[in-house]
PDB file of N, CA and C in Angstrom:
ATOM      1  N   MET A   1     -43.184  12.307 -30.500  1.00  0.00           N
ATOM      2  CA  MET A   1     -44.251  12.575 -29.072  1.00  0.00           C
ATOM      3  C   MET A   1     -44.801  13.406 -30.208  1.00  0.00           C
ATOM      4  N   GLY A   2     -46.617  13.554 -29.807  1.00  0.00           N
ATOM      5  CA  GLY A   2     -47.106  14.666 -29.858  1.00  0.00           C
ATOM      6  C   GLY A   2     -47.636  15.328 -29.575  1.00  0.00           C
ATOM      7  N   LYS A   3     -48.186  16.470 -29.951  1.00  0.00           N
ATOM      8  CA  LYS A   3     -48.413  17.588 -29.017  1.00  0.00           C
ATOM      9  C   LYS A   3     -49.990  17.602 -28.949  1.00  0.00           C
ATOM     10  N   TYR A   4     -50.852  18.589 -28.153  1.00  0.00           N
ATOM     11  CA  TYR A   4     -52.196  18.230 -27.776  1.00  0.00           C
ATOM     12  C   TYR A   4     -53.349  19.770 -27.648  1.00  0.00           C
ATOM     13  N   ILE A   5     -54.238  19.963 -27.965  1.00  0.00           N
ATOM     14  CA  ILE A   5     -54.502  21.314 -27.772  1.00  0.00           C
ATOM     15  C   ILE A   5     -56.156  21.010 -27.319  1.00  0.00           C
ATOM     16  N   LYS A   6     -56.616  22.513 -26.588  1.00  0.00           N
ATOM     17  CA  LYS A   6     -58.085  22.004 -26.293  1.00  0.00           C
ATOM     18  C   LYS A   6     -59.188  22.353 -27.668  1.00  0.00           C
ATOM     19  N   LYS A   7     -60.160  21.952 -28.000  1.00  0.00           N
ATOM     20  CA  LYS A   7     -61.099  21.949 -29.175  1.00  0.00           C
ATOM     21  C   LYS A   7     -61.948  23.245 -28.763  1.00  0.00           C
ATOM     22  N   SER A   8     -62.340  24.141 -29.659  1.00  0.00           N
ATOM     23  CA  SER A   8     -63.126  24.585 -29.408  1.00  0.00           C
ATOM     24  C   SER A   8     -64.498  24.782 -28.423  1.00  0.00           C
ATOM     25  N   ASN A   9     -65.357  25.864 -27.981  1.00  0.00           N
ATOM     26  CA  ASN A   9     -66.354  25.339 -27.900  1.00  0.00           C
ATOM     27  C   ASN A   9     -66.405  24.804 -26.612  1.00  0.00           C
ATOM     28  N   PHE A  10     -66.519  25.670 -25.326  1.00  0.00           N
ATOM     29  CA  PHE A  10     -66.401  24.837 -23.970  1.00  0.00           C
ATOM     30  C   PHE A  10     -66.354  25.869 -23.340  1.00  0.00           C
ATOM     31  N   ASP A  11     -67.055  25.549 -22.233  1.00  0.00           N
ATOM     32  CA  ASP A  11     -67.177  26.190 -20.460  1.00  0.00           C
ATOM     33  C   ASP A  11     -66.522  25.375 -19.881  1.00  0.00           C
ATOM     34  N   THR A  12     -65.685  26.421 -18.787  1.00  0.00           N
ATOM     35  CA  THR A  12     -65.518  25.467 -17.571  1.00  0.00           C
ATOM     36  C   THR A  12     -65.725  26.806 -16.536  1.00  0.00           C
ATOM     37  N   THR A  13     -65.851  25.491 -15.505  1.00  0.00           N
ATOM     38  CA  THR A  13     -66.020  26.035 -13.942  1.00  0.00           C
ATOM     39  C   THR A  13     -65.595  25.732 -13.464  1.00  0.00           C
ATOM     40  N   GLN A  14     -64.871  26.253 -12.165  1.00  0.00           N
ATOM     41  CA  GLN A  14     -63.752  25.151 -10.964  1.00  0.00           C
ATOM     42  C   GLN A  14     -65.027  25.300  -9.728  1.00  0.00           C
ATOM     43  N   ILE A  15     -65.250  24.754  -8.455  1.00  0.00           N
ATOM     44  CA  ILE A  15     -65.500  24.400  -8.216  1.00  0.00           C
ATOM     45  C   ILE A  15     -64.468  23.795  -6.858  1.00  0.00           C
ATOM     46  N   ASP A  16     -64.320  24.611  -5.794  1.00  0.00           N
ATOM     47  CA  ASP A  16     -63.217  23.683  -5.058  1.00  0.00           C
ATOM     48  C   ASP A  16     -61.704  23.456  -5.883  1.00  0.00           C
ATOM     49  N   ASP A  17     -61.997  21.801  -5.623  1.00  0.00           N
ATOM     50  CA  ASP A  17     -60.987  20.946  -6.380  1.00  0.00           C
ATOM     51  C   ASP A  17     -61.883  20.931  -7.279  1.00  0.00           C
ATOM     52  N   GLU A  18     -62.509  20.581  -7.939  1.00  0.00           N
ATOM     53  CA  GLU A  18     -63.011  19.795  -9.122  1.00  0.00           C
ATOM     54  C   GLU A  18     -63.612  21.002 -10.113  1.00  0.00           C
ATOM     55  N   TRP A  19     -62.983  20.430 -11.130  1.00  0.00           N
ATOM     56  CA  TRP A  19     -63.316  21.475 -12.898  1.00  0.00           C
ATOM     57  C   TRP A  19     -64.110  20.902 -13.617  1.00  0.00           C
ATOM     58  N   ILE A  20     -65.367  21.772 -13.888  1.00  0.00           N
ATOM     59  CA  ILE A  20     -66.364  21.380 -14.678  1.00  0.00           C
ATOM     60  C   ILE A  20     -66.619  21.483 -16.258  1.00  0.00           C
ATOM     61  N   ILE A  21     -66.204  20.931 -17.263  1.00  0.00           N
ATOM     62  CA  ILE A  21     -65.465  21.040 -18.517  1.00  0.00           C
ATOM     63  C   ILE A  21     -66.976  20.953 -19.640  1.00  0.00           C
ATOM     64  N   LEU A  22     -68.044  21.959 -19.868  1.00  0.00           N
ATOM     65  CA  LEU A  22     -69.306  21.729 -20.565  1.00  0.00           C
ATOM     66  C   LEU A  22     -68.809  22.068 -22.001  1.00  0.00           C
ATOM     67  N   ASN A  23     -68.882  21.160 -22.499  1.00  0.00           N
ATOM     68  CA  ASN A  23     -68.914  21.039 -23.816  1.00  0.00           C
ATOM     69  C   ASN A  23     -70.469  21.396 -25.121  1.00  0.00           C
ATOM     70  N   THR A  24     -69.989  22.494 -25.051  1.00  0.00           N
ATOM     71  CA  THR A  24     -71.543  23.400 -25.905  1.00  0.00           C
ATOM     72  C   THR A  24     -71.617  22.988 -27.353  1.00  0.00           C
ATOM     73  N   ASP A  25     -71.182  21.889 -27.687  1.00  0.00           N
ATOM     74  CA  ASP A  25     -71.327  21.634 -29.115  1.00  0.00           C
ATOM     75  C   ASP A  25     -71.910  20.507 -28.902  1.00  0.00           C
ATOM     76  N   ASN A  26     -71.813  19.482 -28.098  1.00  0.00           N
ATOM     77  CA  ASN A  26     -72.774  18.443 -27.586  1.00  0.00           C
ATOM     78  C   ASN A  26     -72.912  18.373 -26.158  1.00  0.00           C
ATOM     79  N   TYR A  27     -73.086  19.059 -25.403  1.00  0.00           N
ATOM     80  CA  TYR A  27     -73.924  19.405 -24.473  1.00  0.00           C
ATOM     81  C   TYR A  27     -73.655  17.820 -23.189  1.00  0.00           C
ATOM     82  N   THR A  28     -72.099  17.623 -23.210  1.00  0.00           N
ATOM     83  CA  THR A  28     -71.703  16.997 -22.643  1.00  0.00           C
ATOM     84  C   THR A  28     -70.861  17.467 -21.468  1.00  0.00           C
ATOM     85  N   ILE A  29     -70.901  17.084 -19.939  1.00  0.00           N
ATOM     86  CA  ILE A  29     -70.424  17.562 -19.250  1.00  0.00           C
ATOM     87  C   ILE A  29     -69.331  16.390 -18.579  1.00  0.00           C
ATOM     88  N   THR A  30     -68.431  17.424 -17.942  1.00  0.00           N
ATOM     89  CA  THR A  30     -66.702  16.364 -17.922  1.00  0.00           C
ATOM     90  C   THR A  30     -66.188  17.050 -17.080  1.00  0.00           C
ATOM     91  N   LYS A  31     -66.242  15.911 -15.455  1.00  0.00           N
ATOM     92  CA  LYS A  31     -65.919  16.747 -14.556  1.00  0.00           C
ATOM     93  C   LYS A  31     -64.446  16.224 -14.541  1.00  0.00           C
ATOM     94  N   VAL A  32     -63.334  16.944 -14.077  1.00  0.00           N
ATOM     95  CA  VAL A  32     -61.939  16.619 -13.708  1.00  0.00           C
ATOM     96  C   VAL A  32     -61.767  17.227 -12.320  1.00  0.00           C
ATOM     97  N   ASN A  33     -60.740  16.670 -11.621  1.00  0.00           N
ATOM     98  CA  ASN A  33     -60.143  16.852  -9.905  1.00  0.00           C
ATOM     99  C   ASN A  33     -58.898  18.525 -10.186  1.00  0.00           C
ATOM    100  N   ASP A  34     -58.359  18.890  -9.323  1.00  0.00           N
ATOM    101  CA  ASP A  34     -57.652  20.096  -9.561  1.00  0.00           C
ATOM    102  C   ASP A  34     -56.460  19.595 -10.506  1.00  0.00           C
ATOM    103  N   MET A  35     -55.411  18.296 -10.389  1.00  0.00           N
ATOM    104  CA  MET A  35     -55.101  17.851 -11.131  1.00  0.00           C
ATOM    105  C   MET A  35     -55.322  18.369 -12.954  1.00  0.00           C
ATOM    106  N   GLY A  36     -56.160  17.510 -12.799  1.00  0.00           N
ATOM    107  CA  GLY A  36     -56.299  17.828 -14.257  1.00  0.00           C
ATOM    108  C   GLY A  36     -57.320  19.163 -14.579  1.00  0.00           C
ATOM    109  N   GLY A  37     -57.568  19.867 -14.009  1.00  0.00           N
ATOM    110  CA  GLY A  37     -58.219  21.345 -14.187  1.00  0.00           C
ATOM    111  C   GLY A  37     -56.566  21.594 -14.826  1.00  0.00           C
ATOM    112  N   PHE A  38     -55.610  21.725 -14.309  1.00  0.00           N
ATOM    113  CA  PHE A  38     -54.687  22.255 -14.206  1.00  0.00           C
ATOM    114  C   PHE A  38     -53.937  21.863 -14.921  1.00  0.00           C
ATOM    115  N   CYS A  39     -53.690  20.678 -15.515  1.00  0.00           N
ATOM    116  CA  CYS A  39     -53.697  20.232 -17.309  1.00  0.00           C
ATOM    117  C   CYS A  39     -54.402  21.251 -17.822  1.00  0.00           C
ATOM    118  N   TRP A  40     -55.771  20.896 -18.201  1.00  0.00           N
ATOM    119  CA  TRP A  40     -56.655  21.228 -18.885  1.00  0.00           C
ATOM    120  C   TRP A  40     -56.567  23.343 -19.285  1.00  0.00           C
ATOM    121  N   SER A  41     -56.175  23.730 -18.327  1.00  0.00           N
ATOM    122  CA  SER A  41     -55.742  24.963 -18.631  1.00  0.00           C
ATOM    123  C   SER A  41     -54.710  25.573 -19.163  1.00  0.00           C
ATOM    124  N   LEU A  42     -53.629  24.737 -19.011  1.00  0.00           N
ATOM    125  CA  LEU A  42     -52.076  24.629 -19.642  1.00  0.00           C
ATOM    126  C   LEU A  42     -52.908  24.197 -21.626  1.00  0.00           C
ATOM    127  N   LEU A  43     -53.889  23.422 -21.541  1.00  0.00           N
ATOM    128  CA  LEU A  43     -54.299  22.867 -23.165  1.00  0.00           C
ATOM    129  C   LEU A  43     -54.284  24.338 -23.918  1.00  0.00           C
ATOM    130  N   ASP A  44     -54.310  25.133 -23.467  1.00  0.00           N
ATOM    131  CA  ASP A  44     -55.213  26.485 -24.406  1.00  0.00           C
ATOM    132  C   ASP A  44     -53.657  26.875 -25.083  1.00  0.00           C
ATOM    133  N   GLU A  45     -52.689  26.250 -24.801  1.00  0.00           N
ATOM    134  CA  GLU A  45     -51.402  26.154 -26.120  1.00  0.00           C
ATOM    135  C   GLU A  45     -51.052  24.640 -25.786  1.00  0.00           C
ATOM    136  N   SER A  46     -50.785  24.200 -27.321  1.00  0.00           N
ATOM    137  CA  SER A  46     -49.798  23.442 -27.509  1.00  0.00           C
ATOM    138  C   SER A  46     -49.132  22.661 -26.448  1.00  0.00           C
ATOM    139  N   GLN A  47     -49.022  21.370 -26.241  1.00  0.00           N
ATOM    140  CA  GLN A  47     -48.429  20.619 -24.735  1.00  0.00           C
ATOM    141  C   GLN A  47     -48.447  19.545 -25.725  1.00  0.00           C
ATOM    142  N   SER A  48     -47.271  18.848 -25.322  1.00  0.00           N
ATOM    143  CA  SER A  48     -47.012  17.335 -25.019  1.00  0.00           C
ATOM    144  C   SER A  48     -47.141  16.714 -23.742  1.00  0.00           C
ATOM    145  N   SER A  49     -47.352  15.529 -24.235  1.00  0.00           N
ATOM    146  CA  SER A  49     -47.246  14.951 -22.446  1.00  0.00           C
ATOM    147  C   SER A  49     -46.104  15.258 -21.422  1.00  0.00           C
ATOM    148  N   THR A  50     -45.028  15.451 -22.183  1.00  0.00           N
ATOM    149  CA  THR A  50     -44.118  15.340 -21.505  1.00  0.00           C
ATOM    150  C   THR A  50     -43.713  17.032 -20.841  1.00  0.00           C
ATOM    151  N   SER A  51     -44.535  17.882 -21.474  1.00  0.00           N
ATOM    152  CA  SER A  51     -44.199  19.366 -20.848  1.00  0.00           C
ATOM    153  C   SER A  51     -45.407  19.586 -20.114  1.00  0.00           C
ATOM    154  N   LEU A  52     -46.352  18.446 -20.102  1.00  0.00           N
ATOM    155  CA  LEU A  52     -47.133  18.266 -18.825  1.00  0.00           C
ATOM    156  C   LEU A  52     -46.824  18.098 -17.721  1.00  0.00           C
ATOM    157  N   HIS A  53     -46.439  16.589 -17.875  1.00  0.00           N
ATOM    158  CA  HIS A  53     -45.269  15.836 -16.784  1.00  0.00           C
ATOM    159  C   HIS A  53     -44.704  16.976 -16.113  1.00  0.00           C
ATOM    160  N   GLN A  54     -43.856  17.516 -16.749  1.00  0.00           N
ATOM    161  CA  GLN A  54     -42.929  18.638 -16.294  1.00  0.00           C
ATOM    162  C   GLN A  54     -43.459  19.359 -15.350  1.00  0.00           C
ATOM    163  N   ARG A  55     -44.700  20.410 -16.048  1.00  0.00           N
ATOM    164  CA  ARG A  55     -44.986  21.084 -15.148  1.00  0.00           C
ATOM    165  C   ARG A  55     -46.011  20.222 -13.830  1.00  0.00           C
ATOM    166  N   ILE A  56     -46.522  19.238 -14.002  1.00  0.00           N
ATOM    167  CA  ILE A  56     -47.103  18.816 -12.932  1.00  0.00           C
ATOM    168  C   ILE A  56     -46.555  18.232 -11.797  1.00  0.00           C
ATOM    169  N   LYS A  57     -44.739  18.029 -11.924  1.00  0.00           N
ATOM    170  CA  LYS A  57     -43.743  18.057 -10.993  1.00  0.00           C
ATOM    171  C   LYS A  57     -43.892  19.735 -10.292  1.00  0.00           C
ATOM    172  N   GLU A  58     -43.727  20.348 -11.132  1.00  0.00           N
ATOM    173  CA  GLU A  58     -43.250  21.298 -10.735  1.00  0.00           C
ATOM    174  C   GLU A  58     -44.017  22.460  -9.227  1.00  0.00           C
ATOM    175  N   ASN A  59     -45.432  21.619  -9.437  1.00  0.00           N
ATOM    176  CA  ASN A  59     -46.560  22.502  -9.157  1.00  0.00           C
ATOM    177  C   ASN A  59     -47.396  21.722  -8.250  1.00  0.00           C
ATOM    178  N   PHE A  60     -47.284  20.252  -8.166  1.00  0.00           N
ATOM    179  CA  PHE A  60     -48.073  19.456  -7.053  1.00  0.00           C
ATOM    180  C   PHE A  60     -47.004  18.313  -6.441  1.00  0.00           C
ATOM    181  N   ASN A  61     -46.865  17.993  -5.697  1.00  0.00           N
ATOM    182  CA  ASN A  61     -46.709  17.065  -4.941  1.00  0.00           C
ATOM    183  C   ASN A  61     -47.361  15.478  -5.667  1.00  0.00           C
ATOM    184  N   SER A  62     -46.551  15.338  -6.139  1.00  0.00           N
ATOM    185  CA  SER A  62     -47.444  13.815  -7.165  1.00  0.00           C
ATOM    186  C   SER A  62     -46.813  12.744  -7.467  1.00  0.00           C
ATOM    187  N   SER A  63     -47.317  11.583  -7.118  1.00  0.00           N
ATOM    188  CA  SER A  63     -46.342  10.521  -7.781  1.00  0.00           C
ATOM    189  C   SER A  63     -47.057  10.070  -9.072  1.00  0.00           C
ATOM    190  N   THR A  64     -47.567  11.180 -10.074  1.00  0.00           N
ATOM    191  CA  THR A  64     -47.849  11.203 -11.233  1.00  0.00           C
ATOM    192  C   THR A  64     -46.390  10.780 -12.384  1.00  0.00           C
ATOM    193  N   THR A  65     -46.907   9.820 -13.031  1.00  0.00           N
ATOM    194  CA  THR A  65     -46.177   9.515 -13.465  1.00  0.00           C
ATOM    195  C   THR A  65     -46.105   9.741 -15.209  1.00  0.00           C
ATOM    196  N   ALA A  66     -45.428   9.513 -16.342  1.00  0.00           N
ATOM    197  CA  ALA A  66     -45.538  10.399 -17.919  1.00  0.00           C
ATOM    198  C   ALA A  66     -46.656   9.368 -18.253  1.00  0.00           C
ATOM    199  N   GLU A  67     -46.439   8.289 -17.824  1.00  0.00           N
ATOM    200  CA  GLU A  67     -47.772   7.244 -18.516  1.00  0.00           C
ATOM    201  C   GLU A  67     -48.781   7.561 -17.930  1.00  0.00           C
ATOM    202  N   ASP A  68     -48.784   8.522 -16.603  1.00  0.00           N
ATOM    203  CA  ASP A  68     -50.641   8.787 -16.217  1.00  0.00           C
ATOM    204  C   ASP A  68     -50.588  10.405 -16.829  1.00  0.00           C
ATOM    205  N   VAL A  69     -50.233  10.742 -17.366  1.00  0.00           N
ATOM    206  CA  VAL A  69     -50.472  11.882 -18.077  1.00  0.00           C
ATOM    207  C   VAL A  69     -50.751  11.689 -19.495  1.00  0.00           C
ATOM    208  N   GLU A  70     -49.926  10.069 -20.102  1.00  0.00           N
ATOM    209  CA  GLU A  70     -50.542   9.871 -21.418  1.00  0.00           C
ATOM    210  C   GLU A  70     -52.180   9.321 -21.750  1.00  0.00           C
ATOM    211  N   ILE A  71     -52.546   8.585 -20.836  1.00  0.00           N
ATOM    212  CA  ILE A  71     -53.483   8.076 -20.186  1.00  0.00           C
ATOM    213  C   ILE A  71     -54.671   9.697 -20.319  1.00  0.00           C
ATOM    214  N   TYR A  72     -54.403  10.672 -18.830  1.00  0.00           N
ATOM    215  CA  TYR A  72     -55.423  11.186 -18.857  1.00  0.00           C
ATOM    216  C   TYR A  72     -55.295  11.730 -20.724  1.00  0.00           C
ATOM    217  N   LEU A  73     -54.673  12.598 -21.010  1.00  0.00           N
ATOM    218  CA  LEU A  73     -54.595  13.261 -22.407  1.00  0.00           C
ATOM    219  C   LEU A  73     -55.398  12.288 -23.406  1.00  0.00           C
ATOM    220  N   GLN A  74     -55.264  10.915 -23.367  1.00  0.00           N
ATOM    221  CA  GLN A  74     -56.196   9.669 -24.455  1.00  0.00           C
ATOM    222  C   GLN A  74     -57.351  10.048 -23.983  1.00  0.00           C
ATOM    223  N   GLN A  75     -57.755  10.204 -22.784  1.00  0.00           N
ATOM    224  CA  GLN A  75     -59.394   9.994 -22.369  1.00  0.00           C
ATOM    225  C   GLN A  75     -60.219  11.652 -22.658  1.00  0.00           C
ATOM    226  N   LEU A  76     -59.005  12.563 -22.380  1.00  0.00           N
ATOM    227  CA  LEU A  76     -59.410  14.149 -22.940  1.00  0.00           C
ATOM    228  C   LEU A  76     -59.953  13.634 -24.401  1.00  0.00           C
ATOM    229  N   MET A  77     -58.927  12.712 -25.077  1.00  0.00           N
ATOM    230  CA  MET A  77     -59.187  12.817 -26.667  1.00  0.00           C
ATOM    231  C   MET A  77     -60.443  11.891 -27.256  1.00  0.00           C
ATOM    232  N   ASP A  78     -60.958  10.740 -26.289  1.00  0.00           N
ATOM    233  CA  ASP A  78     -62.176   9.866 -26.112  1.00  0.00           C
ATOM    234  C   ASP A  78     -63.402  10.572 -26.102  1.00  0.00           C
ATOM    235  N   CYS A  79     -63.260  11.516 -24.995  1.00  0.00           N
ATOM    236  CA  CYS A  79     -64.425  12.740 -24.710  1.00  0.00           C
ATOM    237  C   CYS A  79     -64.342  13.960 -25.759  1.00  0.00           C
ATOM    238  N   GLY A  80     -63.438  14.106 -26.412  1.00  0.00           N
ATOM    239  CA  GLY A  80     -63.685  14.764 -27.819  1.00  0.00           C
ATOM    240  C   GLY A  80     -63.171  16.774 -27.200  1.00  0.00           C
ATOM    241  N   LEU A  81     -62.351  16.768 -26.237  1.00  0.00           N
ATOM    242  CA  LEU A  81     -62.468  17.509 -25.805  1.00  0.00           C
ATOM    243  C   LEU A  81     -60.966  18.076 -26.352  1.00  0.00           C
ATOM    244  N   ILE A  82     -59.876  17.534 -26.549  1.00  0.00           N
ATOM    245  CA  ILE A  82     -58.465  17.747 -27.075  1.00  0.00           C
ATOM    246  C   ILE A  82     -58.205  17.160 -28.768  1.00  0.00           C
ATOM    247  N   GLU A  83     -57.053  17.622 -29.365  1.00  0.00           N
ATOM    248  CA  GLU A  83     -57.215  17.125 -30.838  1.00  0.00           C
ATOM    249  C   GLU A  83     -55.664  17.594 -30.380  1.00  0.00           C
ATOM    250  N   HIS A  84     -55.023  17.178 -31.529  1.00  0.00           N
ATOM    251  CA  HIS A  84     -53.307  16.769 -31.835  1.00  0.00           C
ATOM    252  C   HIS A  84     -53.666  17.927 -32.281  1.00  0.00           C
ATOM    253  N   ALA A  85     -52.639  18.763 -31.941  1.00  0.00           N
ATOM    254  CA  ALA A  85     -51.840  19.892 -32.611  1.00  0.00           C
ATOM    255  C   ALA A  85     -51.252  20.215 -34.057  1.00  0.00           C
ATOM    256  N   GLY A  86     -51.774  21.094 -34.651  1.00  0.00           N
ATOM    257  CA  GLY A  86     -51.103  20.479 -36.030  1.00  0.00           C
ATOM    258  C   GLY A  86     -49.642  21.625 -36.285  1.00  0.00           C
TER     259      GLY A  86
END
């Protein structure tokens, strides 16, 4: 199981339950919900999908599965927001 971490050069703003992530290199904007923003904030440090899933279970009353977290991480990878941690 791999670990993930944020890439650099991003500005993030939270407005109510939405997070807006601005990629200052590519000039793209990605919006995520409160749970996505929570995961995003944890990715300042290297995280596995299992560690993120555990933190979600601790902080949210959610039916999110480990597979949901994997899909979310893949979407962040596809957007160029995170990378595999070395």
